[in-house]
N, C-alpha and C. Protein backbone atom coordinates (compact mmCIF):
# COMPACT_ATOMS: atom_id res chain seq x y z
N MET A 1 0.81 -1.20 0.00
CA MET A 1 0.00 0.00 0.00
C MET A 1 0.85 1.26 0.00
N ALA A 2 1.95 1.21 0.67
CA ALA A 2 2.82 2.38 0.73
C ALA A 2 3.31 2.74 -0.67
N SER A 3 3.56 1.74 -1.48
CA SER A 3 4.04 2.04 -2.82
C SER A 3 2.92 2.65 -3.68
N LEU A 4 1.67 2.25 -3.47
CA LEU A 4 0.55 2.82 -4.20
C LEU A 4 0.34 4.28 -3.81
N GLU A 5 0.46 4.58 -2.53
CA GLU A 5 0.34 5.97 -2.08
C GLU A 5 1.47 6.82 -2.68
N HIS A 6 2.66 6.25 -2.70
CA HIS A 6 3.81 6.95 -3.25
C HIS A 6 3.59 7.27 -4.74
N ILE A 7 3.04 6.34 -5.48
CA ILE A 7 2.77 6.53 -6.91
C ILE A 7 1.71 7.63 -7.11
N LEU A 8 0.65 7.62 -6.29
CA LEU A 8 -0.39 8.64 -6.41
C LEU A 8 0.14 10.03 -6.08
N ILE A 9 1.00 10.13 -5.09
CA ILE A 9 1.60 11.42 -4.73
C ILE A 9 2.47 11.94 -5.88
N ASN A 10 3.24 11.04 -6.50
CA ASN A 10 4.09 11.43 -7.63
C ASN A 10 3.25 11.91 -8.81
N ILE A 11 2.13 11.25 -9.06
CA ILE A 11 1.25 11.64 -10.18
C ILE A 11 0.67 13.03 -9.91
N LYS A 12 0.20 13.28 -8.69
CA LYS A 12 -0.37 14.59 -8.36
C LYS A 12 0.70 15.67 -8.46
N SER A 13 1.91 15.37 -8.05
CA SER A 13 3.01 16.33 -8.12
C SER A 13 3.33 16.67 -9.58
N ARG A 14 3.34 15.67 -10.44
CA ARG A 14 3.61 15.91 -11.87
C ARG A 14 2.48 16.70 -12.52
N GLU A 15 1.25 16.44 -12.11
CA GLU A 15 0.12 17.20 -12.65
C GLU A 15 0.26 18.67 -12.31
N ARG A 16 0.68 18.97 -11.10
CA ARG A 16 0.90 20.37 -10.70
C ARG A 16 2.00 21.00 -11.52
N GLN A 17 3.09 20.26 -11.75
CA GLN A 17 4.19 20.78 -12.54
C GLN A 17 3.76 21.03 -13.98
N ILE A 18 3.01 20.10 -14.55
CA ILE A 18 2.52 20.27 -15.92
C ILE A 18 1.57 21.46 -16.01
N PHE A 19 0.69 21.61 -15.03
CA PHE A 19 -0.23 22.75 -14.99
C PHE A 19 0.56 24.06 -14.91
N PHE A 20 1.59 24.11 -14.09
CA PHE A 20 2.41 25.30 -13.92
C PHE A 20 3.12 25.65 -15.24
N VAL A 21 3.69 24.67 -15.91
CA VAL A 21 4.39 24.91 -17.18
C VAL A 21 3.42 25.42 -18.24
N TRP A 22 2.25 24.79 -18.35
CA TRP A 22 1.26 25.23 -19.33
C TRP A 22 0.74 26.64 -19.02
N SER A 23 0.64 26.97 -17.76
CA SER A 23 0.21 28.32 -17.37
C SER A 23 1.23 29.36 -17.83
N ILE A 24 2.51 29.07 -17.64
CA ILE A 24 3.55 30.00 -18.08
C ILE A 24 3.53 30.14 -19.60
N ILE A 25 3.38 29.05 -20.32
CA ILE A 25 3.32 29.10 -21.79
C ILE A 25 2.11 29.92 -22.25
N LEU A 26 0.96 29.71 -21.62
CA LEU A 26 -0.26 30.43 -21.99
C LEU A 26 -0.11 31.93 -21.74
N VAL A 27 0.44 32.31 -20.61
CA VAL A 27 0.64 33.73 -20.30
C VAL A 27 1.59 34.36 -21.33
N GLY A 28 2.64 33.63 -21.69
CA GLY A 28 3.58 34.14 -22.70
C GLY A 28 2.92 34.36 -24.05
N LEU A 29 2.10 33.40 -24.47
CA LEU A 29 1.41 33.52 -25.75
C LEU A 29 0.40 34.67 -25.75
N ILE A 30 -0.29 34.84 -24.65
CA ILE A 30 -1.25 35.95 -24.55
C ILE A 30 -0.51 37.28 -24.62
N GLY A 31 0.61 37.40 -23.93
CA GLY A 31 1.40 38.63 -23.97
C GLY A 31 1.91 38.93 -25.37
N PHE A 32 2.38 37.90 -26.06
CA PHE A 32 2.85 38.08 -27.44
C PHE A 32 1.71 38.54 -28.35
N GLY A 33 0.55 37.91 -28.20
CA GLY A 33 -0.61 38.28 -29.03
C GLY A 33 -1.05 39.71 -28.79
N LEU A 34 -1.06 40.14 -27.54
CA LEU A 34 -1.43 41.53 -27.23
C LEU A 34 -0.42 42.51 -27.80
N GLY A 35 0.84 42.14 -27.76
CA GLY A 35 1.87 43.00 -28.36
C GLY A 35 1.68 43.15 -29.86
N ARG A 36 1.33 42.07 -30.53
CA ARG A 36 1.09 42.13 -31.97
C ARG A 36 -0.16 42.97 -32.28
N LEU A 37 -1.19 42.84 -31.46
CA LEU A 37 -2.41 43.63 -31.67
C LEU A 37 -2.15 45.12 -31.53
N SER A 38 -1.28 45.50 -30.62
CA SER A 38 -1.03 46.92 -30.40
C SER A 38 -0.30 47.55 -31.58
N ARG A 39 0.36 46.80 -32.42
CA ARG A 39 1.07 47.33 -33.57
C ARG A 39 0.18 47.45 -34.81
N LEU A 40 -1.02 46.91 -34.80
CA LEU A 40 -1.88 46.95 -35.97
C LEU A 40 -2.31 48.37 -36.33
N ASP A 41 -2.48 49.25 -35.35
CA ASP A 41 -2.94 50.61 -35.61
C ASP A 41 -1.91 51.45 -36.35
N ASP A 42 -0.63 51.11 -36.26
CA ASP A 42 0.41 51.91 -36.90
C ASP A 42 0.36 51.84 -38.42
N ASN A 43 -0.22 50.79 -38.98
CA ASN A 43 -0.22 50.60 -40.42
C ASN A 43 -1.50 51.10 -41.09
N LYS A 44 -2.43 51.64 -40.34
CA LYS A 44 -3.69 52.11 -40.92
C LYS A 44 -3.51 53.49 -41.55
N MET A 45 -4.28 53.73 -42.62
CA MET A 45 -4.25 55.04 -43.25
C MET A 45 -4.96 56.04 -42.35
N PRO A 46 -4.47 57.28 -42.30
CA PRO A 46 -5.15 58.28 -41.47
C PRO A 46 -6.50 58.66 -42.07
N ILE A 47 -7.44 58.99 -41.23
CA ILE A 47 -8.75 59.45 -41.68
C ILE A 47 -8.67 60.95 -41.90
N THR A 48 -9.09 61.40 -43.05
CA THR A 48 -9.09 62.82 -43.33
C THR A 48 -10.54 63.30 -43.45
N ILE A 49 -10.77 64.51 -43.08
CA ILE A 49 -12.12 65.09 -43.14
C ILE A 49 -12.09 66.18 -44.20
N ARG A 50 -12.98 66.07 -45.16
CA ARG A 50 -13.06 67.05 -46.23
C ARG A 50 -14.40 67.76 -46.17
N GLU A 51 -14.42 68.97 -46.63
CA GLU A 51 -15.63 69.78 -46.65
C GLU A 51 -16.57 69.27 -47.73
N SER A 52 -17.87 69.12 -47.38
CA SER A 52 -18.84 68.60 -48.34
C SER A 52 -20.20 69.21 -48.07
N ALA A 53 -21.04 69.19 -49.08
CA ALA A 53 -22.39 69.74 -48.94
C ALA A 53 -23.31 68.79 -48.20
N SER A 54 -23.07 67.47 -48.27
CA SER A 54 -23.92 66.52 -47.57
C SER A 54 -23.07 65.49 -46.85
N ALA A 55 -23.59 64.97 -45.77
CA ALA A 55 -22.87 63.98 -44.98
C ALA A 55 -23.09 62.56 -45.48
N VAL A 56 -23.86 62.40 -46.55
CA VAL A 56 -24.19 61.08 -47.06
C VAL A 56 -23.01 60.48 -47.85
N ASN A 57 -22.22 61.30 -48.51
CA ASN A 57 -21.12 60.83 -49.35
C ASN A 57 -19.96 60.40 -48.47
N SER A 58 -19.82 59.11 -48.28
CA SER A 58 -18.71 58.58 -47.49
C SER A 58 -18.03 57.49 -48.29
N GLU A 59 -16.71 57.51 -48.33
CA GLU A 59 -15.96 56.55 -49.12
C GLU A 59 -15.27 55.56 -48.19
N VAL A 60 -14.98 54.37 -48.71
CA VAL A 60 -14.29 53.34 -47.96
C VAL A 60 -12.81 53.68 -47.80
N SER A 61 -12.28 54.57 -48.60
CA SER A 61 -10.85 54.87 -48.60
C SER A 61 -10.38 55.60 -47.35
N GLY A 62 -11.24 55.90 -46.41
CA GLY A 62 -10.83 56.60 -45.20
C GLY A 62 -11.20 58.07 -45.23
N VAL A 63 -11.87 58.54 -46.29
CA VAL A 63 -12.27 59.93 -46.38
C VAL A 63 -13.71 60.04 -45.91
N ILE A 64 -13.95 60.93 -44.98
CA ILE A 64 -15.29 61.12 -44.43
C ILE A 64 -15.77 62.50 -44.83
N SER A 65 -16.93 62.60 -45.44
CA SER A 65 -17.50 63.89 -45.81
C SER A 65 -18.55 64.28 -44.79
N VAL A 66 -18.44 65.51 -44.29
CA VAL A 66 -19.39 66.01 -43.31
C VAL A 66 -19.79 67.43 -43.68
N PRO A 67 -20.97 67.87 -43.25
CA PRO A 67 -21.37 69.26 -43.51
C PRO A 67 -20.44 70.23 -42.79
N VAL A 68 -20.17 71.37 -43.41
CA VAL A 68 -19.27 72.36 -42.84
C VAL A 68 -19.79 72.86 -41.50
N ALA A 69 -21.08 73.02 -41.36
CA ALA A 69 -21.65 73.56 -40.12
C ALA A 69 -21.40 72.67 -38.92
N SER A 70 -21.22 71.37 -39.13
CA SER A 70 -21.05 70.47 -38.00
C SER A 70 -19.62 70.37 -37.50
N LEU A 71 -18.70 71.01 -38.21
CA LEU A 71 -17.31 70.95 -37.79
C LEU A 71 -17.05 71.93 -36.65
N THR A 72 -16.27 71.48 -35.68
CA THR A 72 -15.88 72.38 -34.58
C THR A 72 -14.57 73.05 -34.94
N ALA A 73 -14.12 73.97 -34.12
CA ALA A 73 -12.88 74.69 -34.38
C ALA A 73 -11.69 73.74 -34.41
N ASN A 74 -11.66 72.75 -33.51
CA ASN A 74 -10.54 71.81 -33.47
C ASN A 74 -10.49 70.95 -34.72
N VAL A 75 -11.64 70.52 -35.24
CA VAL A 75 -11.67 69.69 -36.43
C VAL A 75 -11.28 70.53 -37.65
N ASN A 76 -11.68 71.80 -37.68
CA ASN A 76 -11.29 72.67 -38.79
C ASN A 76 -9.78 72.81 -38.87
N ASN A 77 -9.09 72.76 -37.73
CA ASN A 77 -7.64 72.90 -37.70
C ASN A 77 -6.93 71.57 -37.79
N ALA A 78 -7.65 70.46 -38.08
CA ALA A 78 -7.06 69.12 -38.04
C ALA A 78 -5.90 68.95 -39.00
N ASN A 79 -5.95 69.58 -40.18
CA ASN A 79 -4.87 69.42 -41.14
C ASN A 79 -3.87 70.56 -41.08
N LYS A 80 -4.03 71.46 -40.13
CA LYS A 80 -3.11 72.59 -40.01
C LYS A 80 -1.93 72.20 -39.14
N ILE A 81 -0.89 72.94 -39.29
CA ILE A 81 0.35 72.73 -38.55
C ILE A 81 0.39 73.76 -37.43
N VAL A 82 0.85 73.34 -36.26
CA VAL A 82 0.95 74.25 -35.13
C VAL A 82 2.38 74.20 -34.58
N ALA A 83 2.86 75.35 -34.15
CA ALA A 83 4.18 75.46 -33.55
C ALA A 83 4.09 76.44 -32.39
N SER A 84 5.11 76.46 -31.58
CA SER A 84 5.16 77.39 -30.46
C SER A 84 6.01 78.59 -30.84
N LYS A 85 5.62 79.77 -30.36
CA LYS A 85 6.41 80.98 -30.61
C LYS A 85 7.82 80.82 -30.06
N THR A 86 7.96 80.05 -28.97
CA THR A 86 9.26 79.89 -28.33
C THR A 86 9.99 78.62 -28.74
N GLY A 87 9.38 77.77 -29.59
CA GLY A 87 9.98 76.50 -29.97
C GLY A 87 10.64 76.54 -31.34
N THR A 88 11.15 75.38 -31.75
CA THR A 88 11.83 75.28 -33.05
C THR A 88 11.20 74.23 -33.95
N THR A 89 10.19 73.48 -33.47
CA THR A 89 9.59 72.41 -34.25
C THR A 89 8.09 72.67 -34.46
N TYR A 90 7.54 72.03 -35.51
CA TYR A 90 6.10 72.12 -35.75
C TYR A 90 5.48 70.74 -35.67
N ASN A 91 4.18 70.68 -35.36
CA ASN A 91 3.44 69.43 -35.16
C ASN A 91 2.07 69.54 -35.81
N PHE A 92 1.44 68.37 -36.02
CA PHE A 92 0.01 68.36 -36.32
C PHE A 92 -0.73 68.57 -35.00
N THR A 93 -1.98 68.94 -35.08
CA THR A 93 -2.73 69.25 -33.87
C THR A 93 -2.95 68.04 -32.97
N TRP A 94 -2.90 66.81 -33.51
CA TRP A 94 -3.14 65.62 -32.70
C TRP A 94 -1.87 65.11 -32.01
N CYS A 95 -0.73 65.68 -32.29
CA CYS A 95 0.52 65.21 -31.69
C CYS A 95 0.65 65.69 -30.25
N SER A 96 1.38 64.92 -29.47
CA SER A 96 1.53 65.26 -28.05
C SER A 96 2.23 66.60 -27.87
N GLY A 97 3.18 66.91 -28.75
CA GLY A 97 3.88 68.20 -28.64
C GLY A 97 2.94 69.37 -28.85
N ALA A 98 1.99 69.24 -29.75
CA ALA A 98 1.03 70.32 -30.02
C ALA A 98 0.09 70.51 -28.83
N LYS A 99 -0.23 69.43 -28.16
CA LYS A 99 -1.15 69.53 -27.02
C LYS A 99 -0.51 70.20 -25.82
N ARG A 100 0.83 70.20 -25.77
CA ARG A 100 1.53 70.81 -24.64
C ARG A 100 1.79 72.30 -24.84
N ILE A 101 1.51 72.82 -26.04
CA ILE A 101 1.77 74.24 -26.31
C ILE A 101 0.66 75.08 -25.69
N ASN A 102 1.04 76.10 -24.97
CA ASN A 102 0.09 77.04 -24.37
C ASN A 102 -0.66 77.75 -25.49
N GLU A 103 -1.97 77.92 -25.33
CA GLU A 103 -2.81 78.55 -26.37
C GLU A 103 -2.27 79.91 -26.78
N ALA A 104 -1.75 80.69 -25.85
CA ALA A 104 -1.23 82.02 -26.15
C ALA A 104 0.03 81.96 -27.01
N ASN A 105 0.75 80.85 -26.98
CA ASN A 105 2.01 80.72 -27.71
C ASN A 105 1.87 79.98 -29.04
N LYS A 106 0.66 79.56 -29.41
CA LYS A 106 0.47 78.77 -30.63
C LYS A 106 0.58 79.65 -31.88
N VAL A 107 1.32 79.13 -32.87
CA VAL A 107 1.44 79.76 -34.19
C VAL A 107 0.91 78.74 -35.19
N TRP A 108 -0.04 79.14 -36.03
CA TRP A 108 -0.70 78.22 -36.95
C TRP A 108 -0.16 78.40 -38.36
N PHE A 109 -0.02 77.28 -39.08
CA PHE A 109 0.42 77.28 -40.47
C PHE A 109 -0.53 76.40 -41.27
N ALA A 110 -0.72 76.73 -42.54
CA ALA A 110 -1.61 75.96 -43.40
C ALA A 110 -0.92 74.73 -43.98
N SER A 111 0.42 74.72 -44.01
CA SER A 111 1.14 73.59 -44.60
C SER A 111 2.50 73.44 -43.95
N GLN A 112 3.12 72.30 -44.23
CA GLN A 112 4.47 72.05 -43.73
C GLN A 112 5.46 73.01 -44.36
N ALA A 113 5.29 73.28 -45.64
CA ALA A 113 6.20 74.18 -46.34
C ALA A 113 6.17 75.58 -45.72
N GLU A 114 4.98 76.03 -45.36
CA GLU A 114 4.84 77.34 -44.74
C GLU A 114 5.56 77.39 -43.39
N ALA A 115 5.43 76.31 -42.62
CA ALA A 115 6.10 76.25 -41.31
C ALA A 115 7.61 76.23 -41.48
N GLU A 116 8.10 75.51 -42.50
CA GLU A 116 9.55 75.45 -42.73
C GLU A 116 10.09 76.78 -43.23
N ARG A 117 9.29 77.50 -44.02
CA ARG A 117 9.72 78.84 -44.46
C ARG A 117 9.84 79.78 -43.28
N ALA A 118 9.04 79.54 -42.24
CA ALA A 118 9.10 80.37 -41.03
C ALA A 118 10.24 79.97 -40.11
N GLY A 119 10.99 78.91 -40.48
CA GLY A 119 12.16 78.53 -39.70
C GLY A 119 11.95 77.36 -38.75
N TYR A 120 10.80 76.70 -38.81
CA TYR A 120 10.53 75.56 -37.94
C TYR A 120 10.93 74.25 -38.62
N LYS A 121 11.26 73.24 -37.82
CA LYS A 121 11.60 71.91 -38.33
C LYS A 121 10.51 70.93 -37.92
N LYS A 122 10.46 69.76 -38.62
CA LYS A 122 9.49 68.72 -38.28
C LYS A 122 9.79 68.17 -36.90
N ALA A 123 8.76 67.89 -36.12
CA ALA A 123 8.93 67.20 -34.84
C ALA A 123 9.11 65.72 -35.13
N VAL A 124 10.13 65.11 -34.58
CA VAL A 124 10.42 63.71 -34.89
C VAL A 124 9.41 62.75 -34.27
N ASN A 125 8.75 63.13 -33.20
CA ASN A 125 7.83 62.21 -32.53
C ASN A 125 6.39 62.36 -32.98
N CYS A 126 6.12 63.13 -34.01
CA CYS A 126 4.75 63.37 -34.48
C CYS A 126 4.47 62.47 -35.68
N LYS A 127 3.59 61.48 -35.50
CA LYS A 127 3.24 60.56 -36.59
C LYS A 127 2.46 61.29 -37.66
N GLY A 128 2.82 61.04 -38.91
CA GLY A 128 2.08 61.61 -40.02
C GLY A 128 2.75 62.80 -40.67
N LEU A 129 3.80 63.37 -40.08
CA LEU A 129 4.43 64.53 -40.69
C LEU A 129 5.12 64.17 -42.01
N SER A 130 5.54 62.93 -42.15
CA SER A 130 6.17 62.53 -43.40
C SER A 130 5.16 61.90 -44.36
N SER A 131 3.88 61.87 -43.97
CA SER A 131 2.83 61.26 -44.77
C SER A 131 2.59 62.08 -46.04
N PRO A 132 2.50 61.44 -47.22
CA PRO A 132 2.26 62.18 -48.46
C PRO A 132 0.90 62.86 -48.50
N THR A 133 -0.05 62.44 -47.65
CA THR A 133 -1.38 63.03 -47.64
C THR A 133 -1.33 64.51 -47.26
N PHE A 134 -0.38 64.88 -46.38
CA PHE A 134 -0.36 66.23 -45.86
C PHE A 134 0.79 67.08 -46.40
N ASN A 135 1.68 66.50 -47.21
CA ASN A 135 2.78 67.27 -47.77
C ASN A 135 2.28 68.15 -48.90
N ASP A 136 3.02 69.24 -49.13
CA ASP A 136 2.66 70.11 -50.26
C ASP A 136 3.24 69.59 -51.54
């Protein structure tokens, strides 16, 4: 009987070890999958908003048409470039650098070329500044 008890204890111990190993593998796979999911947004085309007479015309290409009256001031400035009077770089309005600029110090530009003519350089951490959609 002692040998039967010993065998059962060994089996339960191995089951715990197998469960522990599979748990570690599962957690690793879930972490890898979440990491891959977080990178999917970087490859998507940016959504641009264009002025239109009706909101019905919407294309699959990522262009959304909306009535001019429904646009707010922030959306109207979505494709504009912003820089600080005291800084040396320019950003799009959605970039973190643009959000940190004090409203009193904001300088607005209609294009990247206009901002560069004024002596500003591209912000390296602003996604989309090298995008052909917004270049002149």
